[in-house]
Amino acid sequence: MTIRTSSKFVIFNHPFKIGRLAEIQPAGSYKVDTDEELIEGLSFIAYKRVMTVIHLHSKNKLKSLTRALTITAKELKEALQNDNVANGNVLEDLHIDYKF
């Protein structure tokens, strides 16, 4: 089994909620890691997403700690869409393909 991990930063312009967390997260830039597994037995190279993790900022301003939260790609997409709506940027046919 071959796993590859890629990272990307996403920006939230407004406070947001994501996944199962009840806490509202502050606006800002967040690192998102995606693990993908090689699909074997095909005549071409293909991967399937197996895990998406967002790194959340610490509530303690004195310490530079982060928490990692496993989320689905759908949860991330919805949170980013909600942030765009809060900005007034409503895109009817928004398609986000996260290649982290």
PDB file of N, CA and C in Angstrom:
ATOM      1  N   MET A   1       0.845  -1.168   0.000  1.00  0.00           N
ATOM      2  CA  MET A   1       0.000   0.000   0.000  1.00  0.00           C
ATOM      3  C   MET A   1       0.896   1.238   0.000  1.00  0.00           C
ATOM      4  N   THR A   2       0.693   2.102  -1.000  1.00  0.00           N
ATOM      5  CA  THR A   2       1.460   3.322  -1.111  1.00  0.00           C
ATOM      6  C   THR A   2       0.571   4.511  -0.758  1.00  0.00           C
ATOM      7  N   ILE A   3       1.024   5.299   0.198  1.00  0.00           N
ATOM      8  CA  ILE A   3       0.289   6.483   0.643  1.00  0.00           C
ATOM      9  C   ILE A   3       1.124   7.714   0.315  1.00  0.00           C
ATOM     10  N   ARG A   4       0.463   8.729  -0.198  1.00  0.00           N
ATOM     11  CA  ARG A   4       1.149  10.010  -0.391  1.00  0.00           C
ATOM     12  C   ARG A   4       0.388  11.073   0.401  1.00  0.00           C
ATOM     13  N   THR A   5       1.138  12.010   0.938  1.00  0.00           N
ATOM     14  CA  THR A   5       0.553  13.093   1.720  1.00  0.00           C
ATOM     15  C   THR A   5       0.908  14.409   1.055  1.00  0.00           C
ATOM     16  N   SER A   6      -0.081  15.249   0.897  1.00  0.00           N
ATOM     17  CA  SER A   6       0.165  16.584   0.356  1.00  0.00           C
ATOM     18  C   SER A   6      -0.445  17.610   1.292  1.00  0.00           C
ATOM     19  N   SER A   7       0.107  18.807   1.278  1.00  0.00           N
ATOM     20  CA  SER A   7      -0.340  19.876   2.170  1.00  0.00           C
ATOM     21  C   SER A   7      -0.696  21.112   1.372  1.00  0.00           C
ATOM     22  N   LYS A   8      -1.655  21.859   1.913  1.00  0.00           N
ATOM     23  CA  LYS A   8      -2.094  23.097   1.297  1.00  0.00           C
ATOM     24  C   LYS A   8      -2.612  23.998   2.400  1.00  0.00           C
ATOM     25  N   PHE A   9      -2.553  25.301   2.183  1.00  0.00           N
ATOM     26  CA  PHE A   9      -3.127  26.250   3.124  1.00  0.00           C
ATOM     27  C   PHE A   9      -4.432  26.772   2.545  1.00  0.00           C
ATOM     28  N   VAL A  10      -5.450  26.838   3.399  1.00  0.00           N
ATOM     29  CA  VAL A  10      -6.722  27.442   3.020  1.00  0.00           C
ATOM     30  C   VAL A  10      -6.929  28.668   3.904  1.00  0.00           C
ATOM     31  N   ILE A  11      -7.635  29.645   3.380  1.00  0.00           N
ATOM     32  CA  ILE A  11      -7.854  30.893   4.120  1.00  0.00           C
ATOM     33  C   ILE A  11      -9.341  31.078   4.376  1.00  0.00           C
ATOM     34  N   PHE A  12      -9.658  31.302   5.645  1.00  0.00           N
ATOM     35  CA  PHE A  12     -11.015  31.655   6.045  1.00  0.00           C
ATOM     36  C   PHE A  12     -11.004  33.133   6.401  1.00  0.00           C
ATOM     37  N   ASN A  13     -11.876  33.899   5.779  1.00  0.00           N
ATOM     38  CA  ASN A  13     -11.954  35.335   6.029  1.00  0.00           C
ATOM     39  C   ASN A  13     -12.858  35.681   7.208  1.00  0.00           C
ATOM     40  N   HIS A  14     -13.609  34.693   7.676  1.00  0.00           N
ATOM     41  CA  HIS A  14     -14.547  34.894   8.779  1.00  0.00           C
ATOM     42  C   HIS A  14     -14.401  33.735   9.761  1.00  0.00           C
ATOM     43  N   PRO A  15     -14.792  33.921  11.025  1.00  0.00           N
ATOM     44  CA  PRO A  15     -14.823  32.783  11.957  1.00  0.00           C
ATOM     45  C   PRO A  15     -15.719  31.679  11.376  1.00  0.00           C
ATOM     46  N   PHE A  16     -15.382  30.432  11.695  1.00  0.00           N
ATOM     47  CA  PHE A  16     -16.091  29.317  11.063  1.00  0.00           C
ATOM     48  C   PHE A  16     -16.181  28.116  11.998  1.00  0.00           C
ATOM     49  N   LYS A  17     -17.103  27.242  11.662  1.00  0.00           N
ATOM     50  CA  LYS A  17     -17.224  25.941  12.325  1.00  0.00           C
ATOM     51  C   LYS A  17     -16.929  24.889  11.276  1.00  0.00           C
ATOM     52  N   ILE A  18     -16.319  23.794  11.717  1.00  0.00           N
ATOM     53  CA  ILE A  18     -16.006  22.721  10.778  1.00  0.00           C
ATOM     54  C   ILE A  18     -16.090  21.382  11.479  1.00  0.00           C
ATOM     55  N   GLY A  19     -16.530  20.392  10.759  1.00  0.00           N
ATOM     56  CA  GLY A  19     -16.592  19.036  11.304  1.00  0.00           C
ATOM     57  C   GLY A  19     -17.490  18.935  12.520  1.00  0.00           C
ATOM     58  N   ARG A  20     -17.084  18.104  13.449  1.00  0.00           N
ATOM     59  CA  ARG A  20     -17.874  17.831  14.651  1.00  0.00           C
ATOM     60  C   ARG A  20     -17.591  18.811  15.782  1.00  0.00           C
ATOM     61  N   LEU A  21     -16.698  19.756  15.553  1.00  0.00           N
ATOM     62  CA  LEU A  21     -16.348  20.713  16.603  1.00  0.00           C
ATOM     63  C   LEU A  21     -17.481  21.690  16.851  1.00  0.00           C
ATOM     64  N   ALA A  22     -17.799  21.903  18.114  1.00  0.00           N
ATOM     65  CA  ALA A  22     -18.801  22.901  18.479  1.00  0.00           C
ATOM     66  C   ALA A  22     -18.173  24.286  18.521  1.00  0.00           C
ATOM     67  N   GLU A  23     -16.860  24.334  18.707  1.00  0.00           N
ATOM     68  CA  GLU A  23     -16.153  25.606  18.830  1.00  0.00           C
ATOM     69  C   GLU A  23     -16.081  26.332  17.493  1.00  0.00           C
ATOM     70  N   ILE A  24     -16.193  27.634  17.584  1.00  0.00           N
ATOM     71  CA  ILE A  24     -15.987  28.461  16.399  1.00  0.00           C
ATOM     72  C   ILE A  24     -14.497  28.780  16.307  1.00  0.00           C
ATOM     73  N   GLN A  25     -13.944  28.585  15.121  1.00  0.00           N
ATOM     74  CA  GLN A  25     -12.523  28.832  14.881  1.00  0.00           C
ATOM     75  C   GLN A  25     -12.340  30.242  14.342  1.00  0.00           C
ATOM     76  N   PRO A  26     -11.241  30.894  14.697  1.00  0.00           N
ATOM     77  CA  PRO A  26     -11.021  32.262  14.203  1.00  0.00           C
ATOM     78  C   PRO A  26     -10.655  32.265  12.719  1.00  0.00           C
ATOM     79  N   ALA A  27     -10.944  33.386  12.082  1.00  0.00           N
ATOM     80  CA  ALA A  27     -10.538  33.563  10.685  1.00  0.00           C
ATOM     81  C   ALA A  27      -9.016  33.458  10.593  1.00  0.00           C
ATOM     82  N   GLY A  28      -8.537  33.040   9.446  1.00  0.00           N
ATOM     83  CA  GLY A  28      -7.090  32.940   9.265  1.00  0.00           C
ATOM     84  C   GLY A  28      -6.718  31.885   8.261  1.00  0.00           C
ATOM     85  N   SER A  29      -5.437  31.605   8.190  1.00  0.00           N
ATOM     86  CA  SER A  29      -4.871  30.614   7.280  1.00  0.00           C
ATOM     87  C   SER A  29      -4.670  29.304   8.033  1.00  0.00           C
ATOM     88  N   TYR A  30      -5.111  28.207   7.436  1.00  0.00           N
ATOM     89  CA  TYR A  30      -5.036  26.898   8.085  1.00  0.00           C
ATOM     90  C   TYR A  30      -4.380  25.884   7.147  1.00  0.00           C
ATOM     91  N   LYS A  31      -3.489  25.082   7.708  1.00  0.00           N
ATOM     92  CA  LYS A  31      -2.840  24.023   6.940  1.00  0.00           C
ATOM     93  C   LYS A  31      -3.771  22.814   6.886  1.00  0.00           C
ATOM     94  N   VAL A  32      -3.898  22.251   5.682  1.00  0.00           N
ATOM     95  CA  VAL A  32      -4.715  21.053   5.477  1.00  0.00           C
ATOM     96  C   VAL A  32      -3.827  19.997   4.832  1.00  0.00           C
ATOM     97  N   ASP A  33      -3.773  18.820   5.456  1.00  0.00           N
ATOM     98  CA  ASP A  33      -3.029  17.687   4.906  1.00  0.00           C
ATOM     99  C   ASP A  33      -4.012  16.662   4.371  1.00  0.00           C
ATOM    100  N   THR A  34      -3.692  16.092   3.225  1.00  0.00           N
ATOM    101  CA  THR A  34      -4.526  15.058   2.629  1.00  0.00           C
ATOM    102  C   THR A  34      -3.671  13.827   2.357  1.00  0.00           C
ATOM    103  N   ASP A  35      -4.133  12.686   2.845  1.00  0.00           N
ATOM    104  CA  ASP A  35      -3.486  11.405   2.549  1.00  0.00           C
ATOM    105  C   ASP A  35      -4.281  10.706   1.456  1.00  0.00           C
ATOM    106  N   GLU A  36      -3.552  10.209   0.463  1.00  0.00           N
ATOM    107  CA  GLU A  36      -4.174   9.470  -0.629  1.00  0.00           C
ATOM    108  C   GLU A  36      -3.464   8.137  -0.787  1.00  0.00           C
ATOM    109  N   GLU A  37      -4.246   7.126  -1.105  1.00  0.00           N
ATOM    110  CA  GLU A  37      -3.733   5.767  -1.248  1.00  0.00           C
ATOM    111  C   GLU A  37      -3.746   5.385  -2.725  1.00  0.00           C
ATOM    112  N   LEU A  38      -2.654   4.782  -3.170  1.00  0.00           N
ATOM    113  CA  LEU A  38      -2.550   4.318  -4.548  1.00  0.00           C
ATOM    114  C   LEU A  38      -3.547   3.195  -4.780  1.00  0.00           C
ATOM    115  N   ILE A  39      -4.320   3.312  -5.852  1.00  0.00           N
ATOM    116  CA  ILE A  39      -5.236   2.240  -6.233  1.00  0.00           C
ATOM    117  C   ILE A  39      -4.437   1.293  -7.130  1.00  0.00           C
ATOM    118  N   GLU A  40      -4.221   0.101  -6.638  1.00  0.00           N
ATOM    119  CA  GLU A  40      -3.393  -0.855  -7.377  1.00  0.00           C
ATOM    120  C   GLU A  40      -4.224  -1.678  -8.352  1.00  0.00           C
ATOM    121  N   GLY A  41      -3.561  -2.215  -9.353  1.00  0.00           N
ATOM    122  CA  GLY A  41      -4.201  -3.100 -10.306  1.00  0.00           C
ATOM    123  C   GLY A  41      -4.794  -2.398 -11.513  1.00  0.00           C
ATOM    124  N   LEU A  42      -4.614  -1.097 -11.609  1.00  0.00           N
ATOM    125  CA  LEU A  42      -5.112  -0.357 -12.766  1.00  0.00           C
ATOM    126  C   LEU A  42      -4.005  -0.211 -13.797  1.00  0.00           C
ATOM    127  N   SER A  43      -4.390   0.087 -15.021  1.00  0.00           N
ATOM    128  CA  SER A  43      -3.386   0.282 -16.074  1.00  0.00           C
ATOM    129  C   SER A  43      -2.862   1.717 -16.085  1.00  0.00           C
ATOM    130  N   PHE A  44      -3.310   2.527 -15.128  1.00  0.00           N
ATOM    131  CA  PHE A  44      -2.849   3.896 -15.001  1.00  0.00           C
ATOM    132  C   PHE A  44      -2.728   4.208 -13.506  1.00  0.00           C
ATOM    133  N   ILE A  45      -2.035   5.280 -13.185  1.00  0.00           N
ATOM    134  CA  ILE A  45      -1.832   5.648 -11.781  1.00  0.00           C
ATOM    135  C   ILE A  45      -3.031   6.450 -11.295  1.00  0.00           C
ATOM    136  N   ALA A  46      -3.610   6.002 -10.191  1.00  0.00           N
ATOM    137  CA  ALA A  46      -4.748   6.708  -9.600  1.00  0.00           C
ATOM    138  C   ALA A  46      -4.684   6.569  -8.082  1.00  0.00           C
ATOM    139  N   TYR A  47      -5.146   7.593  -7.410  1.00  0.00           N
ATOM    140  CA  TYR A  47      -5.158   7.620  -5.949  1.00  0.00           C
ATOM    141  C   TYR A  47      -6.571   7.911  -5.466  1.00  0.00           C
ATOM    142  N   LYS A  48      -6.875   7.413  -4.278  1.00  0.00           N
ATOM    143  CA  LYS A  48      -8.143   7.776  -3.634  1.00  0.00           C
ATOM    144  C   LYS A  48      -7.823   8.439  -2.299  1.00  0.00           C
ATOM    145  N   ARG A  49      -8.614   9.453  -1.973  1.00  0.00           N
ATOM    146  CA  ARG A  49      -8.410  10.186  -0.720  1.00  0.00           C
ATOM    147  C   ARG A  49      -8.833   9.295   0.438  1.00  0.00           C
ATOM    148  N   VAL A  50      -7.970   9.165   1.434  1.00  0.00           N
ATOM    149  CA  VAL A  50      -8.295   8.336   2.598  1.00  0.00           C
ATOM    150  C   VAL A  50      -8.401   9.156   3.883  1.00  0.00           C
ATOM    151  N   MET A  51      -7.826  10.367   3.902  1.00  0.00           N
ATOM    152  CA  MET A  51      -7.912  11.172   5.113  1.00  0.00           C
ATOM    153  C   MET A  51      -7.585  12.636   4.799  1.00  0.00           C
ATOM    154  N   THR A  52      -8.349  13.528   5.438  1.00  0.00           N
ATOM    155  CA  THR A  52      -8.088  14.962   5.351  1.00  0.00           C
ATOM    156  C   THR A  52      -7.996  15.491   6.772  1.00  0.00           C
ATOM    157  N   VAL A  53      -6.943  16.235   7.063  1.00  0.00           N
ATOM    158  CA  VAL A  53      -6.695  16.763   8.407  1.00  0.00           C
ATOM    159  C   VAL A  53      -6.476  18.265   8.311  1.00  0.00           C
ATOM    160  N   ILE A  54      -7.199  19.020   9.154  1.00  0.00           N
ATOM    161  CA  ILE A  54      -6.983  20.463   9.241  1.00  0.00           C
ATOM    162  C   ILE A  54      -6.291  20.745  10.572  1.00  0.00           C
ATOM    163  N   HIS A  55      -5.290  21.607  10.531  1.00  0.00           N
ATOM    164  CA  HIS A  55      -4.539  21.969  11.738  1.00  0.00           C
ATOM    165  C   HIS A  55      -5.125  23.263  12.287  1.00  0.00           C
ATOM    166  N   LEU A  56      -5.707  23.183  13.478  1.00  0.00           N
ATOM    167  CA  LEU A  56      -6.391  24.311  14.098  1.00  0.00           C
ATOM    168  C   LEU A  56      -5.453  25.076  15.020  1.00  0.00           C
ATOM    169  N   HIS A  57      -5.653  26.373  15.095  1.00  0.00           N
ATOM    170  CA  HIS A  57      -4.828  27.235  15.937  1.00  0.00           C
ATOM    171  C   HIS A  57      -5.171  27.054  17.409  1.00  0.00           C
ATOM    172  N   SER A  58      -4.196  27.296  18.236  1.00  0.00           N
ATOM    173  CA  SER A  58      -4.382  27.223  19.683  1.00  0.00           C
ATOM    174  C   SER A  58      -5.181  28.420  20.168  1.00  0.00           C
ATOM    175  N   LYS A  59      -5.995  28.199  21.186  1.00  0.00           N
ATOM    176  CA  LYS A  59      -6.724  29.302  21.823  1.00  0.00           C
ATOM    177  C   LYS A  59      -5.787  30.077  22.754  1.00  0.00           C
ATOM    178  N   ASN A  60      -4.664  29.445  23.133  1.00  0.00           N
ATOM    179  CA  ASN A  60      -3.702  30.064  24.048  1.00  0.00           C
ATOM    180  C   ASN A  60      -2.713  30.894  23.237  1.00  0.00           C
ATOM    181  N   LYS A  61      -2.801  32.208  23.368  1.00  0.00           N
ATOM    182  CA  LYS A  61      -1.935  33.109  22.596  1.00  0.00           C
ATOM    183  C   LYS A  61      -0.472  33.043  23.029  1.00  0.00           C
ATOM    184  N   LEU A  62      -0.216  32.513  24.235  1.00  0.00           N
ATOM    185  CA  LEU A  62       1.153  32.461  24.740  1.00  0.00           C
ATOM    186  C   LEU A  62       1.932  31.263  24.206  1.00  0.00           C
ATOM    187  N   LYS A  63       1.211  30.254  23.745  1.00  0.00           N
ATOM    188  CA  LYS A  63       1.870  29.051  23.240  1.00  0.00           C
ATOM    189  C   LYS A  63       1.485  28.836  21.784  1.00  0.00           C
ATOM    190  N   SER A  64       2.427  28.384  20.998  1.00  0.00           N
ATOM    191  CA  SER A  64       2.190  28.135  19.589  1.00  0.00           C
ATOM    192  C   SER A  64       1.844  26.663  19.383  1.00  0.00           C
ATOM    193  N   LEU A  65       0.676  26.272  19.845  1.00  0.00           N
ATOM    194  CA  LEU A  65       0.235  24.896  19.719  1.00  0.00           C
ATOM    195  C   LEU A  65      -0.843  24.800  18.648  1.00  0.00           C
ATOM    196  N   THR A  66      -0.927  23.657  18.016  1.00  0.00           N
ATOM    197  CA  THR A  66      -2.015  23.418  17.079  1.00  0.00           C
ATOM    198  C   THR A  66      -2.676  22.095  17.426  1.00  0.00           C
ATOM    199  N   ARG A  67      -3.890  21.956  16.968  1.00  0.00           N
ATOM    200  CA  ARG A  67      -4.611  20.689  17.106  1.00  0.00           C
ATOM    201  C   ARG A  67      -4.917  20.205  15.705  1.00  0.00           C
ATOM    202  N   ALA A  68      -4.904  18.910  15.531  1.00  0.00           N
ATOM    203  CA  ALA A  68      -5.233  18.326  14.235  1.00  0.00           C
ATOM    204  C   ALA A  68      -6.612  17.701  14.325  1.00  0.00           C
ATOM    205  N   LEU A  69      -7.464  18.020  13.360  1.00  0.00           N
ATOM    206  CA  LEU A  69      -8.817  17.496  13.321  1.00  0.00           C
ATOM    207  C   LEU A  69      -9.023  16.779  11.999  1.00  0.00           C
ATOM    208  N   THR A  70      -9.414  15.504  12.065  1.00  0.00           N
ATOM    209  CA  THR A  70      -9.733  14.761  10.854  1.00  0.00           C
ATOM    210  C   THR A  70     -11.128  15.163  10.408  1.00  0.00           C
ATOM    211  N   ILE A  71     -11.220  15.561   9.149  1.00  0.00           N
ATOM    212  CA  ILE A  71     -12.492  15.988   8.573  1.00  0.00           C
ATOM    213  C   ILE A  71     -12.668  15.305   7.224  1.00  0.00           C
ATOM    214  N   THR A  72     -13.846  15.446   6.660  1.00  0.00           N
ATOM    215  CA  THR A  72     -14.067  14.942   5.306  1.00  0.00           C
ATOM    216  C   THR A  72     -13.839  16.078   4.319  1.00  0.00           C
ATOM    217  N   ALA A  73     -13.572  15.723   3.084  1.00  0.00           N
ATOM    218  CA  ALA A  73     -13.410  16.737   2.046  1.00  0.00           C
ATOM    219  C   ALA A  73     -14.699  17.540   1.904  1.00  0.00           C
ATOM    220  N   LYS A  74     -15.832  16.900   2.113  1.00  0.00           N
ATOM    221  CA  LYS A  74     -17.129  17.572   2.025  1.00  0.00           C
ATOM    222  C   LYS A  74     -17.258  18.634   3.121  1.00  0.00           C
ATOM    223  N   GLU A  75     -16.828  18.324   4.337  1.00  0.00           N
ATOM    224  CA  GLU A  75     -16.890  19.290   5.437  1.00  0.00           C
ATOM    225  C   GLU A  75     -16.023  20.513   5.141  1.00  0.00           C
ATOM    226  N   LEU A  76     -14.847  20.281   4.565  1.00  0.00           N
ATOM    227  CA  LEU A  76     -13.956  21.388   4.215  1.00  0.00           C
ATOM    228  C   LEU A  76     -14.582  22.241   3.118  1.00  0.00           C
ATOM    229  N   LYS A  77     -15.111  21.594   2.110  1.00  0.00           N
ATOM    230  CA  LYS A  77     -15.747  22.318   1.007  1.00  0.00           C
ATOM    231  C   LYS A  77     -16.908  23.166   1.515  1.00  0.00           C
ATOM    232  N   GLU A  78     -17.755  22.601   2.376  1.00  0.00           N
ATOM    233  CA  GLU A  78     -18.900  23.339   2.915  1.00  0.00           C
ATOM    234  C   GLU A  78     -18.452  24.536   3.756  1.00  0.00           C
ATOM    235  N   ALA A  79     -17.421  24.358   4.567  1.00  0.00           N
ATOM    236  CA  ALA A  79     -16.925  25.459   5.400  1.00  0.00           C
ATOM    237  C   ALA A  79     -16.386  26.592   4.524  1.00  0.00           C
ATOM    238  N   LEU A  80     -15.660  26.251   3.469  1.00  0.00           N
ATOM    239  CA  LEU A  80     -15.131  27.270   2.565  1.00  0.00           C
ATOM    240  C   LEU A  80     -16.249  27.951   1.781  1.00  0.00           C
ATOM    241  N   GLN A  81     -17.273  27.189   1.386  1.00  0.00           N
ATOM    242  CA  GLN A  81     -18.412  27.782   0.692  1.00  0.00           C
ATOM    243  C   GLN A  81     -19.158  28.745   1.620  1.00  0.00           C
ATOM    244  N   ASN A  82     -19.350  28.349   2.872  1.00  0.00           N
ATOM    245  CA  ASN A  82     -20.009  29.228   3.844  1.00  0.00           C
ATOM    246  C   ASN A  82     -19.218  30.512   4.036  1.00  0.00           C
ATOM    247  N   ASP A  83     -17.891  30.406   4.029  1.00  0.00           N
ATOM    248  CA  ASP A  83     -17.041  31.588   4.158  1.00  0.00           C
ATOM    249  C   ASP A  83     -17.220  32.500   2.944  1.00  0.00           C
ATOM    250  N   ASN A  84     -17.318  31.923   1.760  1.00  0.00           N
ATOM    251  CA  ASN A  84     -17.542  32.721   0.548  1.00  0.00           C
ATOM    252  C   ASN A  84     -18.894  33.407   0.583  1.00  0.00           C
ATOM    253  N   VAL A  85     -19.923  32.723   1.079  1.00  0.00           N
ATOM    254  CA  VAL A  85     -21.247  33.317   1.195  1.00  0.00           C
ATOM    255  C   VAL A  85     -21.198  34.499   2.157  1.00  0.00           C
ATOM    256  N   ALA A  86     -20.459  34.346   3.260  1.00  0.00           N
ATOM    257  CA  ALA A  86     -20.314  35.438   4.230  1.00  0.00           C
ATOM    258  C   ALA A  86     -19.628  36.645   3.593  1.00  0.00           C
ATOM    259  N   ASN A  87     -18.786  36.399   2.599  1.00  0.00           N
ATOM    260  CA  ASN A  87     -18.118  37.477   1.870  1.00  0.00           C
ATOM    261  C   ASN A  87     -19.021  38.106   0.828  1.00  0.00           C
ATOM    262  N   GLY A  88     -20.149  37.446   0.551  1.00  0.00           N
ATOM    263  CA  GLY A  88     -21.012  37.917  -0.524  1.00  0.00           C
ATOM    264  C   GLY A  88     -20.598  37.366  -1.871  1.00  0.00           C
ATOM    265  N   ASN A  89     -19.666  36.406  -1.879  1.00  0.00           N
ATOM    266  CA  ASN A  89     -19.209  35.779  -3.122  1.00  0.00           C
ATOM    267  C   ASN A  89     -19.946  34.471  -3.335  1.00  0.00           C
ATOM    268  N   VAL A  90     -21.146  34.548  -3.837  1.00  0.00           N
ATOM    269  CA  VAL A  90     -21.938  33.345  -4.045  1.00  0.00           C
ATOM    270  C   VAL A  90     -21.715  32.874  -5.473  1.00  0.00           C
ATOM    271  N   LEU A  91     -21.212  31.665  -5.607  1.00  0.00           N
ATOM    272  CA  LEU A  91     -20.985  31.077  -6.919  1.00  0.00           C
ATOM    273  C   LEU A  91     -21.930  29.890  -7.068  1.00  0.00           C
ATOM    274  N   GLU A  92     -22.833  29.977  -8.000  1.00  0.00           N
ATOM    275  CA  GLU A  92     -23.838  28.928  -8.167  1.00  0.00           C
ATOM    276  C   GLU A  92     -23.216  27.590  -8.552  1.00  0.00           C
ATOM    277  N   ASP A  93     -22.234  27.626  -9.423  1.00  0.00           N
ATOM    278  CA  ASP A  93     -21.652  26.385  -9.928  1.00  0.00           C
ATOM    279  C   ASP A  93     -20.253  26.159  -9.370  1.00  0.00           C
ATOM    280  N   LEU A  94     -20.063  26.476  -8.104  1.00  0.00           N
ATOM    281  CA  LEU A  94     -18.751  26.337  -7.479  1.00  0.00           C
ATOM    282  C   LEU A  94     -18.324  24.873  -7.465  1.00  0.00           C
ATOM    283  N   HIS A  95     -17.184  24.622  -8.042  1.00  0.00           N
ATOM    284  CA  HIS A  95     -16.606  23.275  -8.007  1.00  0.00           C
ATOM    285  C   HIS A  95     -15.199  23.421  -7.468  1.00  0.00           C
ATOM    286  N   ILE A  96     -14.960  22.817  -6.317  1.00  0.00           N
ATOM    287  CA  ILE A  96     -13.646  22.884  -5.701  1.00  0.00           C
ATOM    288  C   ILE A  96     -13.041  21.499  -5.761  1.00  0.00           C
ATOM    289  N   ASP A  97     -11.922  21.373  -6.414  1.00  0.00           N
ATOM    290  CA  ASP A  97     -11.224  20.102  -6.478  1.00  0.00           C
ATOM    291  C   ASP A  97      -9.931  20.267  -5.710  1.00  0.00           C
ATOM    292  N   TYR A  98      -9.908  19.750  -4.491  1.00  0.00           N
ATOM    293  CA  TYR A  98      -8.756  19.927  -3.619  1.00  0.00           C
ATOM    294  C   TYR A  98      -7.713  18.881  -3.921  1.00  0.00           C
ATOM    295  N   LYS A  99      -6.623  19.306  -4.487  1.00  0.00           N
ATOM    296  CA  LYS A  99      -5.497  18.424  -4.776  1.00  0.00           C
ATOM    297  C   LYS A  99      -4.407  18.787  -3.793  1.00  0.00           C
ATOM    298  N   PHE A 100      -4.568  18.366  -2.550  1.00  0.00           N
ATOM    299  CA  PHE A 100      -3.624  18.726  -1.495  1.00  0.00           C
ATOM    300  C   PHE A 100      -2.432  17.829  -1.572  1.00  0.00           C
TER     301      PHE A 100
END
